[in-house]
Amino acid sequence: MFEATEIERLISAGLPCEFVMVKGDDGVHFSGIVVSETFEGKSMLDQHRAVKQTLGALLGNEIHALGLKTYTPARWALVRQDLGL
């Protein structure tokens, strides 16, 4: 079983992040929000790849699934209130 807080730590250690939140209650399936300036000018696919690279071999093994929403800081400023964050 894996903890959401450990996934947050790994993502934050691997990417400069303005905000990271990961949730999951069964220890193998998670969802997360990641906000990083490094996402500027990148496609959503490349943003998700960047996040998943921070988890390495854990993804697909200890972490069975990770659904992601990624945002640039500018986009995050617009959507965070809609998400209640």
Protein backbone atom coordinates (compact mmCIF):
# COMPACT_ATOMS: atom_id res chain seq x y z
CA MET A 1 0.00 0.00 0.00
CA PHE A 2 1.27 3.43 -0.93
CA GLU A 3 0.44 6.75 0.74
CA ALA A 4 -0.78 9.80 -1.19
CA THR A 5 1.56 12.02 0.84
CA GLU A 6 4.57 10.03 -0.40
CA ILE A 7 3.46 10.56 -4.01
CA GLU A 8 3.15 14.29 -3.31
CA ARG A 9 6.67 14.28 -1.86
CA LEU A 10 8.13 12.46 -4.88
CA ILE A 11 6.44 14.79 -7.37
CA SER A 12 7.57 17.88 -5.45
CA ALA A 13 11.13 16.54 -5.29
CA GLY A 14 11.21 15.90 -9.03
CA LEU A 15 9.48 19.04 -10.34
CA PRO A 16 9.36 22.66 -9.21
CA CYS A 17 5.70 22.84 -8.14
CA GLU A 18 3.53 25.66 -6.95
CA PHE A 19 0.87 23.21 -5.74
CA VAL A 20 0.59 19.42 -5.46
CA MET A 21 -2.36 17.48 -4.10
CA VAL A 22 -2.79 13.72 -4.38
CA LYS A 23 -5.74 11.72 -3.08
CA GLY A 24 -6.42 8.03 -2.93
CA ASP A 25 -8.03 5.77 -0.37
CA ASP A 26 -7.10 2.25 -1.45
CA GLY A 27 -3.30 2.58 -1.60
CA VAL A 28 -2.97 1.79 -5.32
CA HIS A 29 -5.35 4.12 -7.21
CA PHE A 30 -4.76 7.87 -6.94
CA SER A 31 -5.78 11.18 -8.47
CA GLY A 32 -3.77 14.34 -8.33
CA ILE A 33 -3.47 18.00 -9.21
CA VAL A 34 -0.05 19.42 -10.06
CA VAL A 35 0.70 23.08 -10.79
CA SER A 36 4.13 23.91 -12.22
CA GLU A 37 5.69 26.71 -14.22
CA THR A 38 7.56 24.01 -16.19
CA PHE A 39 4.25 23.18 -17.89
CA GLU A 40 4.26 26.50 -19.79
CA GLY A 41 4.15 25.81 -23.53
CA LYS A 42 3.87 22.02 -23.11
CA SER A 43 0.99 19.84 -24.25
CA MET A 44 -1.13 18.13 -21.62
CA LEU A 45 0.47 14.83 -22.60
CA ASP A 46 3.96 16.23 -22.01
CA GLN A 47 2.84 17.73 -18.69
CA HIS A 48 1.54 14.34 -17.54
CA ARG A 49 4.72 12.63 -18.72
CA ALA A 50 6.81 15.06 -16.68
CA VAL A 51 4.83 14.26 -13.54
CA LYS A 52 4.88 10.51 -14.12
CA GLN A 53 8.65 10.56 -14.67
CA THR A 54 9.05 11.74 -11.07
CA LEU A 55 7.52 8.44 -9.93
CA GLY A 56 9.67 6.17 -12.09
CA ALA A 57 9.13 2.43 -11.68
CA LEU A 58 6.60 2.94 -8.87
CA LEU A 59 3.98 3.83 -11.47
CA GLY A 60 2.44 0.62 -12.76
CA ASN A 61 3.79 -1.34 -9.80
CA GLU A 62 3.18 0.00 -6.29
CA ILE A 63 1.08 2.79 -7.79
CA HIS A 64 -1.40 1.06 -10.07
CA ALA A 65 -3.04 4.21 -11.45
CA LEU A 66 -2.65 7.97 -11.18
CA GLY A 67 -5.22 10.25 -12.78
CA LEU A 68 -3.80 13.74 -13.26
CA LYS A 69 -4.94 17.29 -13.75
CA THR A 70 -2.03 19.57 -14.55
CA TYR A 71 -2.02 23.35 -14.72
CA THR A 72 0.32 26.23 -15.36
CA PRO A 73 0.28 28.83 -12.55
CA ALA A 74 -1.71 31.23 -14.77
CA ARG A 75 -4.37 28.62 -15.57
CA TRP A 76 -4.44 27.49 -11.92
CA ALA A 77 -5.22 31.06 -10.83
CA LEU A 78 -8.35 30.87 -13.00
CA VAL A 79 -9.63 27.39 -12.07
CA ARG A 80 -8.71 26.89 -8.42
CA GLN A 81 -11.77 28.66 -7.06
CA ASP A 82 -14.03 26.54 -9.28
CA LEU A 83 -12.42 23.48 -7.71
CA GLY A 84 -12.86 24.85 -4.20
CA LEU A 85 -9.13 25.03 -3.51
